C-alpha atoms as a PDB file:
ATOM      1  CA  MET A   1       8.833 -19.284   3.827  1.00  0.00           C
ATOM      2  CA  PHE A   2       6.387 -16.708   5.266  1.00  0.00           C
ATOM      3  CA  GLU A   3       8.486 -13.608   4.538  1.00  0.00           C
ATOM      4  CA  THR A   4       6.999 -10.687   6.484  1.00  0.00           C
ATOM      5  CA  SER A   5       6.465  -7.049   5.544  1.00  0.00           C
ATOM      6  CA  VAL A   6       4.124  -4.109   6.082  1.00  0.00           C
ATOM      7  CA  ALA A   7       1.716  -2.796   3.454  1.00  0.00           C
ATOM      8  CA  GLY A   8       3.674   0.430   3.114  1.00  0.00           C
ATOM      9  CA  SER A   9       3.124   3.402   5.391  1.00  0.00           C
ATOM     10  CA  LEU A  10       4.276   3.801   8.992  1.00  0.00           C
ATOM     11  CA  PRO A  11       3.497   6.610  11.474  1.00  0.00           C
ATOM     12  CA  LYS A  12       5.487   9.796  11.142  1.00  0.00           C
ATOM     13  CA  PRO A  13       7.398  10.856  14.276  1.00  0.00           C
ATOM     14  CA  ALA A  14       6.001  13.926  16.050  1.00  0.00           C
ATOM     15  CA  TRP A  15       9.119  15.938  15.157  1.00  0.00           C
ATOM     16  CA  LEU A  16       8.505  15.289  11.429  1.00  0.00           C
ATOM     17  CA  ALA A  17       4.765  15.862  11.050  1.00  0.00           C
ATOM     18  CA  GLU A  18       1.443  15.954  12.835  1.00  0.00           C
ATOM     19  CA  THR A  19       0.605  12.617  14.391  1.00  0.00           C
ATOM     20  CA  ASN A  20      -2.454  10.373  14.045  1.00  0.00           C
ATOM     21  CA  LYS A  21      -3.489  12.057  10.798  1.00  0.00           C
ATOM     22  CA  LEU A  22      -3.816  10.747   7.264  1.00  0.00           C
ATOM     23  CA  TRP A  23      -2.914  14.143   5.749  1.00  0.00           C
ATOM     24  CA  PRO A  24      -0.408  15.543   8.300  1.00  0.00           C
ATOM     25  CA  GLN A  25       1.272  18.929   8.080  1.00  0.00           C
ATOM     26  CA  TRP A  26       5.075  18.978   8.108  1.00  0.00           C
ATOM     27  CA  ARG A  27       6.897  20.418  11.140  1.00  0.00           C
ATOM     28  CA  ALA A  28       9.728  21.941   9.108  1.00  0.00           C
ATOM     29  CA  GLU A  29      10.518  23.123   5.596  1.00  0.00           C
ATOM     30  CA  GLY A  30      13.381  23.326   3.149  1.00  0.00           C
ATOM     31  CA  GLU A  31      16.598  21.508   3.973  1.00  0.00           C
ATOM     32  CA  ALA A  32      15.499  20.913   7.577  1.00  0.00           C
ATOM     33  CA  LEU A  33      12.453  19.019   6.316  1.00  0.00           C
ATOM     34  CA  ARG A  34      14.547  16.989   3.889  1.00  0.00           C
ATOM     35  CA  GLN A  35      16.864  15.940   6.707  1.00  0.00           C
ATOM     36  CA  ALA A  36      13.960  15.141   9.007  1.00  0.00           C
ATOM     37  CA  LYS A  37      12.428  12.897   6.334  1.00  0.00           C
ATOM     38  CA  ALA A  38      15.758  11.100   5.957  1.00  0.00           C
ATOM     39  CA  ASP A  39      16.070  10.617   9.718  1.00  0.00           C
ATOM     40  CA  ALA A  40      12.538   9.222   9.967  1.00  0.00           C
ATOM     41  CA  THR A  41      13.171   6.857   7.054  1.00  0.00           C
ATOM     42  CA  LEU A  42      16.293   5.452   8.705  1.00  0.00           C
ATOM     43  CA  LEU A  43      14.496   5.180  12.048  1.00  0.00           C
ATOM     44  CA  TRP A  44      11.758   2.997  10.593  1.00  0.00           C
ATOM     45  CA  ILE A  45      14.138   0.863   8.553  1.00  0.00           C
ATOM     46  CA  LYS A  46      15.985   0.077  11.783  1.00  0.00           C
ATOM     47  CA  ALA A  47      12.675  -0.550  13.589  1.00  0.00           C
ATOM     48  CA  GLN A  48      11.511  -3.018  10.935  1.00  0.00           C
ATOM     49  CA  GLU A  49      14.835  -4.829  11.089  1.00  0.00           C
ATOM     50  CA  ASP A  50      14.788  -4.894  14.890  1.00  0.00           C
ATOM     51  CA  ALA A  51      11.232  -6.260  14.878  1.00  0.00           C
ATOM     52  CA  GLY A  52      12.437  -9.122  12.698  1.00  0.00           C
ATOM     53  CA  LEU A  53      10.671  -8.333   9.428  1.00  0.00           C
ATOM     54  CA  ASP A  54      12.116  -9.968   6.333  1.00  0.00           C
ATOM     55  CA  ILE A  55      11.214  -7.246   3.805  1.00  0.00           C
ATOM     56  CA  VAL A  56      11.518  -3.578   4.739  1.00  0.00           C
ATOM     57  CA  CYS A  57      10.282  -0.326   3.222  1.00  0.00           C
ATOM     58  CA  ASP A  58      10.814   3.407   3.670  1.00  0.00           C
ATOM     59  CA  GLY A  59       7.531   3.737   5.587  1.00  0.00           C
ATOM     60  CA  GLU A  60       6.492   6.515   3.182  1.00  0.00           C
ATOM     61  CA  GLN A  61       8.127   9.002   5.556  1.00  0.00           C
ATOM     62  CA  SER A  62       8.866  11.488   2.764  1.00  0.00           C
ATOM     63  CA  ARG A  63       5.251  11.612   1.557  1.00  0.00           C
ATOM     64  CA  GLN A  64       2.449  13.618   3.097  1.00  0.00           C
ATOM     65  CA  HIS A  65      -0.064  11.211   1.532  1.00  0.00           C
ATOM     66  CA  PHE A  66       0.357   7.941  -0.351  1.00  0.00           C
ATOM     67  CA  VAL A  67      -1.143   9.377  -3.570  1.00  0.00           C
ATOM     68  CA  HIS A  68      -0.179  13.026  -3.407  1.00  0.00           C
ATOM     69  CA  GLY A  69       3.449  12.235  -2.637  1.00  0.00           C
ATOM     70  CA  PHE A  70       3.660  11.078  -6.239  1.00  0.00           C
ATOM     71  CA  LEU A  71       1.439  13.770  -7.739  1.00  0.00           C
ATOM     72  CA  GLU A  72       3.588  16.587  -6.386  1.00  0.00           C
ATOM     73  CA  GLN A  73       6.203  15.721  -9.013  1.00  0.00           C
ATOM     74  CA  VAL A  74       3.770  15.688 -11.945  1.00  0.00           C
ATOM     75  CA  ASP A  75       3.293  18.616 -14.319  1.00  0.00           C
ATOM     76  CA  GLY A  76      -0.275  19.276 -15.438  1.00  0.00           C
ATOM     77  CA  ILE A  77      -1.745  19.227 -11.914  1.00  0.00           C
ATOM     78  CA  ASP A  78      -2.980  22.376 -10.177  1.00  0.00           C
ATOM     79  CA  PHE A  79      -2.407  22.154  -6.421  1.00  0.00           C
ATOM     80  CA  GLU A  80      -3.169  25.840  -5.869  1.00  0.00           C
ATOM     81  CA  HIS A  81      -6.886  25.542  -6.600  1.00  0.00           C
ATOM     82  CA  LYS A  82      -8.037  22.359  -4.886  1.00  0.00           C
ATOM     83  CA  VAL A  83     -11.695  21.408  -5.045  1.00  0.00           C
ATOM     84  CA  LYS A  84     -13.868  19.281  -2.787  1.00  0.00           C
ATOM     85  CA  MET A  85     -14.610  15.887  -4.299  1.00  0.00           C
ATOM     86  CA  GLY A  86     -16.139  12.663  -3.082  1.00  0.00           C
ATOM     87  CA  ILE A  87     -13.650   9.822  -3.350  1.00  0.00           C
ATOM     88  CA  ARG A  88     -14.000   6.031  -3.048  1.00  0.00           C
ATOM     89  CA  ASP A  89     -17.533   6.316  -4.486  1.00  0.00           C
ATOM     90  CA  ASN A  90     -18.314   9.260  -2.189  1.00  0.00           C
ATOM     91  CA  ARG A  91     -17.313   7.388   0.970  1.00  0.00           C
ATOM     92  CA  TYR A  92     -15.779  10.652   2.144  1.00  0.00           C
ATOM     93  CA  ASP A  93     -14.959  14.121   0.806  1.00  0.00           C
ATOM     94  CA  ALA A  94     -11.453  15.424   0.292  1.00  0.00           C
ATOM     95  CA  MET A  95      -9.862  18.567  -1.068  1.00  0.00           C
ATOM     96  CA  VAL A  96      -8.104  17.370  -4.196  1.00  0.00           C
ATOM     97  CA  PRO A  97      -5.901  18.963  -6.885  1.00  0.00           C
ATOM     98  CA  GLN A  98      -7.100  19.341 -10.462  1.00  0.00           C
ATOM     99  CA  VAL A  99      -5.633  17.867 -13.643  1.00  0.00           C
ATOM    100  CA  VAL A 100      -5.542  20.851 -15.999  1.00  0.00           C
ATOM    101  CA  SER A 101      -3.202  19.828 -18.841  1.00  0.00           C
ATOM    102  CA  ALA A 102      -1.295  16.897 -20.301  1.00  0.00           C
ATOM    103  CA  LEU A 103       0.569  14.960 -17.623  1.00  0.00           C
ATOM    104  CA  ARG A 104       4.321  14.497 -17.485  1.00  0.00           C
ATOM    105  CA  LEU A 105       6.909  13.932 -14.768  1.00  0.00           C
ATOM    106  CA  LYS A 106       9.012  16.877 -13.625  1.00  0.00           C
ATOM    107  CA  GLY A 107      11.838  14.425 -12.993  1.00  0.00           C
ATOM    108  CA  ARG A 108      12.517  11.638 -10.535  1.00  0.00           C
ATOM    109  CA  VAL A 109       9.855  11.320  -7.822  1.00  0.00           C
ATOM    110  CA  HIS A 110      11.219   9.042  -5.101  1.00  0.00           C
ATOM    111  CA  ALA A 111      14.952   8.784  -5.840  1.00  0.00           C
ATOM    112  CA  PHE A 112      15.954  10.435  -2.533  1.00  0.00           C
ATOM    113  CA  GLU A 113      14.163   8.042  -0.179  1.00  0.00           C
ATOM    114  CA  ALA A 114      14.595   4.909  -2.309  1.00  0.00           C
ATOM    115  CA  GLN A 115      18.340   5.348  -2.678  1.00  0.00           C
ATOM    116  CA  LEU A 116      18.650   6.241   1.008  1.00  0.00           C
ATOM    117  CA  ALA A 117      16.769   3.108   2.035  1.00  0.00           C
ATOM    118  CA  ARG A 118      18.751   0.899  -0.350  1.00  0.00           C
ATOM    119  CA  ALA A 119      22.031   2.196   1.073  1.00  0.00           C
ATOM    120  CA  HIS A 120      21.005   1.426   4.665  1.00  0.00           C
ATOM    121  CA  THR A 121      19.579  -2.081   4.575  1.00  0.00           C
ATOM    122  CA  ARG A 122      20.739  -5.435   3.263  1.00  0.00           C
ATOM    123  CA  LYS A 123      17.245  -6.870   3.477  1.00  0.00           C
ATOM    124  CA  LYS A 124      14.834  -7.019   0.579  1.00  0.00           C
ATOM    125  CA  LEU A 125      13.440  -3.550  -0.084  1.00  0.00           C
ATOM    126  CA  LYS A 126       9.843  -2.894  -1.054  1.00  0.00           C
ATOM    127  CA  PHE A 127       8.694   0.458  -2.399  1.00  0.00           C
ATOM    128  CA  THR A 128       5.102   1.562  -2.889  1.00  0.00           C
ATOM    129  CA  LEU A 129       3.461   3.673  -5.569  1.00  0.00           C
ATOM    130  CA  PRO A 130      -0.206   4.612  -5.945  1.00  0.00           C
ATOM    131  CA  GLY A 131      -2.040   2.642  -8.622  1.00  0.00           C
ATOM    132  CA  PRO A 132      -3.513   4.450 -11.630  1.00  0.00           C
ATOM    133  CA  MET A 133      -7.174   3.775 -10.778  1.00  0.00           C
ATOM    134  CA  THR A 134      -6.726   5.044  -7.224  1.00  0.00           C
ATOM    135  CA  ILE A 135      -4.960   8.179  -8.493  1.00  0.00           C
ATOM    136  CA  VAL A 136      -7.862   8.868 -10.861  1.00  0.00           C
ATOM    137  CA  ASP A 137     -10.215   8.550  -7.891  1.00  0.00           C
ATOM    138  CA  THR A 138      -8.161  11.097  -5.918  1.00  0.00           C
ATOM    139  CA  VAL A 139      -7.898  13.991  -8.407  1.00  0.00           C
ATOM    140  CA  ALA A 140     -10.419  16.164 -10.248  1.00  0.00           C
ATOM    141  CA  ASP A 141     -10.251  15.891 -14.038  1.00  0.00           C
ATOM    142  CA  ARG A 142     -10.437  19.204 -15.913  1.00  0.00           C
ATOM    143  CA  PHE A 143      -8.538  18.059 -19.001  1.00  0.00           C
ATOM    144  CA  TYR A 144      -8.915  14.446 -20.191  1.00  0.00           C
ATOM    145  CA  GLY A 145     -12.668  14.066 -19.894  1.00  0.00           C
ATOM    146  CA  ASP A 146     -12.299  10.290 -19.661  1.00  0.00           C
ATOM    147  CA  ARG A 147     -11.295   8.287 -16.561  1.00  0.00           C
ATOM    148  CA  VAL A 148      -9.724   5.463 -18.539  1.00  0.00           C
ATOM    149  CA  LYS A 149      -7.645   7.771 -20.725  1.00  0.00           C
ATOM    150  CA  MET A 150      -6.428   9.661 -17.665  1.00  0.00           C
ATOM    151  CA  ALA A 151      -5.644   6.413 -15.829  1.00  0.00           C
ATOM    152  CA  PHE A 152      -3.415   5.230 -18.663  1.00  0.00           C
ATOM    153  CA  ALA A 153      -1.701   8.630 -18.758  1.00  0.00           C
ATOM    154  CA  PHE A 154      -0.873   8.226 -15.081  1.00  0.00           C
ATOM    155  CA  ALA A 155       0.144   4.596 -15.678  1.00  0.00           C
ATOM    156  CA  GLU A 156       2.801   5.728 -18.144  1.00  0.00           C
ATOM    157  CA  LEU A 157       4.276   8.107 -15.548  1.00  0.00           C
ATOM    158  CA  LEU A 158       4.146   5.444 -12.838  1.00  0.00           C
ATOM    159  CA  ASN A 159       5.975   3.102 -15.165  1.00  0.00           C
ATOM    160  CA  GLN A 160       8.757   5.633 -15.713  1.00  0.00           C
ATOM    161  CA  GLU A 161       9.286   5.997 -11.972  1.00  0.00           C
ATOM    162  CA  ALA A 162       8.936   2.254 -11.323  1.00  0.00           C
ATOM    163  CA  LEU A 163      11.664   1.451 -13.841  1.00  0.00           C
ATOM    164  CA  ALA A 164      13.903   4.039 -12.187  1.00  0.00           C
ATOM    165  CA  LEU A 165      13.179   2.576  -8.734  1.00  0.00           C
ATOM    166  CA  GLN A 166      14.142  -0.826 -10.053  1.00  0.00           C
ATOM    167  CA  ALA A 167      17.441   0.676 -11.215  1.00  0.00           C
ATOM    168  CA  ASP A 168      17.881   2.108  -7.696  1.00  0.00           C
ATOM    169  CA  GLY A 169      17.958  -1.459  -6.387  1.00  0.00           C
ATOM    170  CA  VAL A 170      14.377  -1.864  -5.177  1.00  0.00           C
ATOM    171  CA  ASP A 171      13.437  -5.554  -4.993  1.00  0.00           C
ATOM    172  CA  ILE A 172       9.635  -5.247  -4.897  1.00  0.00           C
ATOM    173  CA  ILE A 173       7.470  -2.490  -6.367  1.00  0.00           C
ATOM    174  CA  GLN A 174       3.938  -2.412  -5.012  1.00  0.00           C
ATOM    175  CA  PHE A 175       1.084  -0.430  -6.512  1.00  0.00           C
ATOM    176  CA  ASP A 176      -1.628   0.565  -4.031  1.00  0.00           C
ATOM    177  CA  GLU A 177      -5.147   0.158  -5.433  1.00  0.00           C
ATOM    178  CA  PRO A 178      -7.783   0.499  -2.681  1.00  0.00           C
ATOM    179  CA  ALA A 179     -10.153   1.688  -5.419  1.00  0.00           C
ATOM    180  CA  PHE A 180     -10.210  -1.886  -6.743  1.00  0.00           C
ATOM    181  CA  ASN A 181     -12.719  -2.998  -4.131  1.00  0.00           C
ATOM    182  CA  VAL A 182     -14.927   0.054  -4.616  1.00  0.00           C
ATOM    183  CA  TYR A 183     -15.282   0.082  -8.413  1.00  0.00           C
ATOM    184  CA  MET A 184     -15.184  -3.678  -8.877  1.00  0.00           C
ATOM    185  CA  LYS A 185     -16.487  -3.969 -12.448  1.00  0.00           C
ATOM    186  CA  GLU A 186     -14.274  -1.123 -13.680  1.00  0.00           C
ATOM    187  CA  ALA A 187     -11.278  -2.636 -11.903  1.00  0.00           C
ATOM    188  CA  ALA A 188     -11.759  -5.970 -13.648  1.00  0.00           C
ATOM    189  CA  ASP A 189     -12.424  -4.196 -16.950  1.00  0.00           C
ATOM    190  CA  TRP A 190      -9.738  -1.513 -17.285  1.00  0.00           C
ATOM    191  CA  GLY A 191      -8.191  -1.080 -13.826  1.00  0.00           C
ATOM    192  CA  VAL A 192      -6.046  -4.204 -14.065  1.00  0.00           C
ATOM    193  CA  ARG A 193      -4.986  -3.268 -17.614  1.00  0.00           C
ATOM    194  CA  ALA A 194      -3.870   0.154 -16.401  1.00  0.00           C
ATOM    195  CA  LEU A 195      -2.014  -1.528 -13.546  1.00  0.00           C
ATOM    196  CA  GLU A 196      -0.194  -3.786 -16.000  1.00  0.00           C
ATOM    197  CA  ARG A 197       0.785  -0.711 -18.027  1.00  0.00           C
ATOM    198  CA  ALA A 198       2.302   0.788 -14.888  1.00  0.00           C
ATOM    199  CA  ALA A 199       4.312  -2.416 -14.339  1.00  0.00           C
ATOM    200  CA  GLN A 200       5.371  -2.843 -17.967  1.00  0.00           C
ATOM    201  CA  GLY A 201       8.978  -3.902 -18.413  1.00  0.00           C
ATOM    202  CA  LEU A 202       9.704  -4.488 -14.728  1.00  0.00           C
ATOM    203  CA  THR A 203      11.828  -7.529 -13.920  1.00  0.00           C
ATOM    204  CA  CYS A 204      11.750  -7.055 -10.147  1.00  0.00           C
ATOM    205  CA  THR A 205       8.857  -8.499  -8.138  1.00  0.00           C
ATOM    206  CA  THR A 206       5.605  -6.611  -8.670  1.00  0.00           C
ATOM    207  CA  ALA A 207       2.711  -6.388  -6.228  1.00  0.00           C
ATOM    208  CA  VAL A 208      -0.677  -4.761  -5.882  1.00  0.00           C
ATOM    209  CA  HIS A 209      -2.228  -3.848  -2.545  1.00  0.00           C
ATOM    210  CA  ILE A 210      -6.021  -3.932  -2.262  1.00  0.00           C
ATOM    211  CA  CYS A 211      -7.737  -3.193   1.021  1.00  0.00           C
ATOM    212  CA  TYR A 212     -10.711  -1.694   2.791  1.00  0.00           C
ATOM    213  CA  GLY A 213      -8.736   1.394   3.769  1.00  0.00           C
ATOM    214  CA  TYR A 214      -6.837   2.888   6.665  1.00  0.00           C
ATOM    215  CA  GLY A 215      -8.210   2.771  10.171  1.00  0.00           C
ATOM    216  CA  ILE A 216      -9.976   6.127   9.861  1.00  0.00           C
ATOM    217  CA  LYS A 217     -13.605   6.731  10.786  1.00  0.00           C
ATOM    218  CA  ALA A 218     -14.901   7.047   7.216  1.00  0.00           C
ATOM    219  CA  ASN A 219     -13.520   3.619   6.370  1.00  0.00           C
ATOM    220  CA  THR A 220     -14.540   1.862   9.582  1.00  0.00           C
ATOM    221  CA  ASP A 221     -18.067   3.296   9.243  1.00  0.00           C
ATOM    222  CA  TRP A 222     -18.238   2.046   5.644  1.00  0.00           C
ATOM    223  CA  LYS A 223     -17.235  -1.443   6.731  1.00  0.00           C
ATOM    224  CA  GLN A 224     -20.243  -1.533   9.040  1.00  0.00           C
ATOM    225  CA  THR A 225     -22.486  -1.302   5.962  1.00  0.00           C
ATOM    226  CA  LEU A 226     -20.943  -4.251   4.103  1.00  0.00           C
ATOM    227  CA  GLY A 227     -22.794  -7.044   5.878  1.00  0.00           C
ATOM    228  CA  ASP A 228     -21.510 -10.351   7.208  1.00  0.00           C
ATOM    229  CA  GLU A 229     -19.566 -11.237   4.062  1.00  0.00           C
ATOM    230  CA  TRP A 230     -17.259  -8.833   2.246  1.00  0.00           C
ATOM    231  CA  ARG A 231     -17.115 -10.192  -1.291  1.00  0.00           C
ATOM    232  CA  GLN A 232     -15.649  -7.152  -3.077  1.00  0.00           C
ATOM    233  CA  TYR A 233     -12.490  -9.079  -3.903  1.00  0.00           C
ATOM    234  CA  GLU A 234     -14.465 -11.747  -5.736  1.00  0.00           C
ATOM    235  CA  THR A 235     -14.837  -9.670  -8.898  1.00  0.00           C
ATOM    236  CA  VAL A 236     -11.272  -8.467  -9.302  1.00  0.00           C
ATOM    237  CA  PHE A 237      -9.278 -11.505  -8.089  1.00  0.00           C
ATOM    238  CA  PRO A 238      -9.823 -13.545 -11.290  1.00  0.00           C
ATOM    239  CA  ALA A 239      -8.618 -10.588 -13.375  1.00  0.00           C
ATOM    240  CA  LEU A 240      -5.540 -10.225 -11.155  1.00  0.00           C
ATOM    241  CA  ALA A 241      -4.883 -13.967 -11.355  1.00  0.00           C
ATOM    242  CA  ARG A 242      -4.658 -13.582 -15.154  1.00  0.00           C
ATOM    243  CA  SER A 243      -2.429 -10.503 -14.930  1.00  0.00           C
ATOM    244  CA  CYS A 244       1.351 -10.166 -14.998  1.00  0.00           C
ATOM    245  CA  ILE A 245       1.456  -8.897 -11.388  1.00  0.00           C
ATOM    246  CA  ASP A 246       3.353 -11.294  -9.106  1.00  0.00           C
ATOM    247  CA  GLN A 247       1.815 -10.607  -5.703  1.00  0.00           C
ATOM    248  CA  VAL A 248      -1.536  -9.507  -4.276  1.00  0.00           C
ATOM    249  CA  SER A 249      -1.755  -7.883  -0.835  1.00  0.00           C
ATOM    250  CA  LEU A 250      -5.139  -8.038   0.915  1.00  0.00           C
ATOM    251  CA  GLU A 251      -6.985  -7.509   4.178  1.00  0.00           C
ATOM    252  CA  CYS A 252      -7.689 -10.627   6.247  1.00  0.00           C
ATOM    253  CA  ILE A 253      -7.642 -10.418  10.058  1.00  0.00           C
ATOM    254  CA  HIS A 254     -10.802  -9.010  11.674  1.00  0.00           C
ATOM    255  CA  SER A 255     -12.401  -8.678   8.250  1.00  0.00           C
ATOM    256  CA  HIS A 256     -15.457 -10.426   6.871  1.00  0.00           C
ATOM    257  CA  VAL A 257     -13.703 -11.484   3.691  1.00  0.00           C
ATOM    258  CA  PRO A 258     -14.516 -15.173   3.071  1.00  0.00           C
ATOM    259  CA  PRO A 259     -11.074 -16.842   3.247  1.00  0.00           C
ATOM    260  CA  HIS A 260     -11.886 -19.153   0.334  1.00  0.00           C
ATOM    261  CA  LEU A 261     -11.775 -16.153  -2.022  1.00  0.00           C
ATOM    262  CA  MET A 262      -7.979 -16.322  -1.738  1.00  0.00           C
ATOM    263  CA  ALA A 263      -8.151 -19.503  -3.818  1.00  0.00           C
ATOM    264  CA  LEU A 264      -9.110 -17.267  -6.763  1.00  0.00           C
ATOM    265  CA  LEU A 265      -5.511 -16.000  -6.741  1.00  0.00           C
ATOM    266  CA  ALA A 266      -4.020 -19.363  -7.698  1.00  0.00           C
ATOM    267  CA  GLY A 267      -0.559 -18.849  -9.154  1.00  0.00           C
ATOM    268  CA  LYS A 268       0.076 -15.595  -7.296  1.00  0.00           C
ATOM    269  CA  ASP A 269       1.933 -14.831  -4.071  1.00  0.00           C
ATOM    270  CA  VAL A 270      -0.585 -13.621  -1.487  1.00  0.00           C
ATOM    271  CA  LEU A 271       0.346 -11.014   1.114  1.00  0.00           C
ATOM    272  CA  VAL A 272      -2.152 -11.953   3.818  1.00  0.00           C
ATOM    273  CA  GLY A 273      -3.116  -9.152   6.207  1.00  0.00           C
ATOM    274  CA  VAL A 274      -2.603 -10.570   9.709  1.00  0.00           C
ATOM    275  CA  ILE A 275      -2.348  -7.216  11.531  1.00  0.00           C
ATOM    276  CA  ASP A 276      -5.425  -5.009  11.978  1.00  0.00           C
ATOM    277  CA  VAL A 277      -4.757  -1.332  11.206  1.00  0.00           C
ATOM    278  CA  ALA A 278      -8.162  -0.179  12.498  1.00  0.00           C
ATOM    279  CA  SER A 279      -7.520  -1.108  16.127  1.00  0.00           C
ATOM    280  CA  ASP A 280      -4.924  -0.122  18.714  1.00  0.00           C
ATOM    281  CA  VAL A 281      -5.220  -3.558  20.283  1.00  0.00           C
ATOM    282  CA  VAL A 282      -1.961  -5.364  19.555  1.00  0.00           C
ATOM    283  CA  GLU A 283      -2.422  -8.869  18.189  1.00  0.00           C
ATOM    284  CA  THR A 284      -0.972 -11.792  20.128  1.00  0.00           C
ATOM    285  CA  PRO A 285       1.415 -14.149  18.352  1.00  0.00           C
ATOM    286  CA  GLU A 286      -1.300 -16.795  18.609  1.00  0.00           C
ATOM    287  CA  GLU A 287      -3.820 -14.585  16.780  1.00  0.00           C
ATOM    288  CA  VAL A 288      -1.355 -13.897  13.995  1.00  0.00           C
ATOM    289  CA  ALA A 289      -0.455 -17.578  13.678  1.00  0.00           C
ATOM    290  CA  ASP A 290      -4.140 -18.533  13.658  1.00  0.00           C
ATOM    291  CA  THR A 291      -4.839 -16.116  10.787  1.00  0.00           C
ATOM    292  CA  ILE A 292      -1.925 -17.570   8.830  1.00  0.00           C
ATOM    293  CA  GLY A 293      -3.274 -21.039   9.539  1.00  0.00           C
ATOM    294  CA  ARG A 294      -6.705 -20.172   8.139  1.00  0.00           C
ATOM    295  CA  ALA A 295      -5.133 -18.728   4.985  1.00  0.00           C
ATOM    296  CA  LEU A 296      -3.055 -21.876   4.477  1.00  0.00           C
ATOM    297  CA  ALA A 297      -6.237 -23.749   3.618  1.00  0.00           C
ATOM    298  CA  PHE A 298      -6.378 -21.708   0.390  1.00  0.00           C
ATOM    299  CA  VAL A 299      -2.830 -20.408  -0.222  1.00  0.00           C
ATOM    300  CA  PRO A 300       0.208 -22.699  -0.610  1.00  0.00           C
ATOM    301  CA  LYS A 301       2.756 -22.090   2.147  1.00  0.00           C
ATOM    302  CA  GLU A 302       5.451 -21.088  -0.332  1.00  0.00           C
ATOM    303  CA  ARG A 303       3.152 -18.342  -1.671  1.00  0.00           C
ATOM    304  CA  LEU A 304       1.955 -16.930   1.660  1.00  0.00           C
ATOM    305  CA  PHE A 305       3.552 -13.696   2.886  1.00  0.00           C
ATOM    306  CA  PRO A 306       2.246 -12.357   6.256  1.00  0.00           C
ATOM    307  CA  CYS A 307       1.598  -8.619   6.112  1.00  0.00           C
ATOM    308  CA  THR A 308      -0.501  -5.826   7.609  1.00  0.00           C
ATOM    309  CA  ASN A 309      -4.069  -5.204   6.439  1.00  0.00           C
ATOM    310  CA  CYS A 310      -3.113  -1.735   5.202  1.00  0.00           C
ATOM    311  CA  GLY A 311      -0.744   1.088   6.052  1.00  0.00           C
ATOM    312  CA  LEU A 312      -0.166   2.172   9.643  1.00  0.00           C
ATOM    313  CA  ALA A 313       0.252   5.902   8.923  1.00  0.00           C
ATOM    314  CA  PRO A 314      -2.549   7.302  11.145  1.00  0.00           C
ATOM    315  CA  MET A 315      -1.656   5.013  14.062  1.00  0.00           C
ATOM    316  CA  GLY A 316       0.309   5.866  17.216  1.00  0.00           C
ATOM    317  CA  ARG A 317       4.007   5.175  16.808  1.00  0.00           C
ATOM    318  CA  ASP A 318       4.301   2.925  19.872  1.00  0.00           C
ATOM    319  CA  VAL A 319       1.274   0.852  18.844  1.00  0.00           C
ATOM    320  CA  ALA A 320       2.661   0.449  15.338  1.00  0.00           C
ATOM    321  CA  TRP A 321       6.014  -0.694  16.726  1.00  0.00           C
ATOM    322  CA  ARG A 322       4.383  -3.334  18.906  1.00  0.00           C
ATOM    323  CA  LYS A 323       2.286  -4.528  15.973  1.00  0.00           C
ATOM    324  CA  LEU A 324       5.471  -5.013  13.935  1.00  0.00           C
ATOM    325  CA  GLN A 325       6.814  -7.182  16.739  1.00  0.00           C
ATOM    326  CA  ALA A 326       3.559  -9.145  16.844  1.00  0.00           C
ATOM    327  CA  LEU A 327       3.743  -9.706  13.083  1.00  0.00           C
ATOM    328  CA  ALA A 328       7.209 -11.222  13.367  1.00  0.00           C
ATOM    329  CA  ALA A 329       6.500 -13.236  16.519  1.00  0.00           C
ATOM    330  CA  GLY A 330       3.220 -14.631  15.196  1.00  0.00           C
ATOM    331  CA  THR A 331       4.830 -15.613  11.910  1.00  0.00           C
ATOM    332  CA  GLN A 332       7.583 -17.430  13.753  1.00  0.00           C
ATOM    333  CA  LEU A 333       4.945 -19.291  15.759  1.00  0.00           C
ATOM    334  CA  ALA A 334       3.161 -20.253  12.526  1.00  0.00           C
ATOM    335  CA  LYS A 335       6.425 -21.674  11.171  1.00  0.00           C
ATOM    336  CA  GLU A 336       6.927 -23.694  14.352  1.00  0.00           C
ATOM    337  CA  ARG A 337       3.390 -25.075  14.140  1.00  0.00           C
ATOM    338  CA  LEU A 338       4.086 -26.293  10.598  1.00  0.00           C
ATOM    339  CA  THR A 339       7.303 -28.046  11.553  1.00  0.00           C
ATOM    340  CA  THR A 340       6.110 -29.550  14.857  1.00  0.00           C
ATOM    341  CA  PRO A 341       5.071 -33.202  14.415  1.00  0.00           C
END
């Protein structure tokens, strides 16, 4: 009951990459960089285990960015001539690569870090991939001329890698779809279908992560415009409830999401965000347990999985470590509250 995990990313050590950045530059190259990525992956696996988390991940230590770490192994994408593009419905601008021809994988994408992680932990292993709708929102299309067609092309490639990750021994494959609460109607229309294509044939646990973004200024400023109730999930949750995806990961603590919206996910496991990624203030065990308690009014205890609101990549390493400890301690307190007469 209440198995804990993080949404995916963890801060990169200063000796691996720039710190406190969403798009950090690497500190090394070639074989030295490969070894540094491996060292950082093992460091964070050990940290998650030491903190007491039940499900661990690689912390995305081998990826510069949660989307582009996948795209770098895709033919048909021009990284040499990036263009400025508004993403997340023009919430902020980014320099993005261009899709210039038919897409296909160059080979395996994440075999190195997935196999490394699997060999060094006996705990359940979760691995994250970007979702097709979010990828489409993070590249410039100069070939397909149709967002849906391009999304399904990416979904096919994601599926190839997901099936290979499953063969590597990954227990949970999570697709990250922050675009789902920006383009709500499109998400319910074709976004969930593209997501299901990416998960086709998987027998391991599948998950989708939806959130209001990392704790960067563009996202925190956007949240200030959303009013007292954030109802973006309301449109897509029913579509996800009907989908083949097993788990839904969402933002909860310090958000204005009405908790009763979680009831729309009946039949699904819910990864409830109980750790705020937009604040360096470390939650107390009581705060974490209280958030779990509020979610229990709408999510059965056997389907509730305490998690972080989003990835911790741009956060300070020490703060992230203490938040992992708070996640585990608060979850333990929530368990004790349930069993205390």
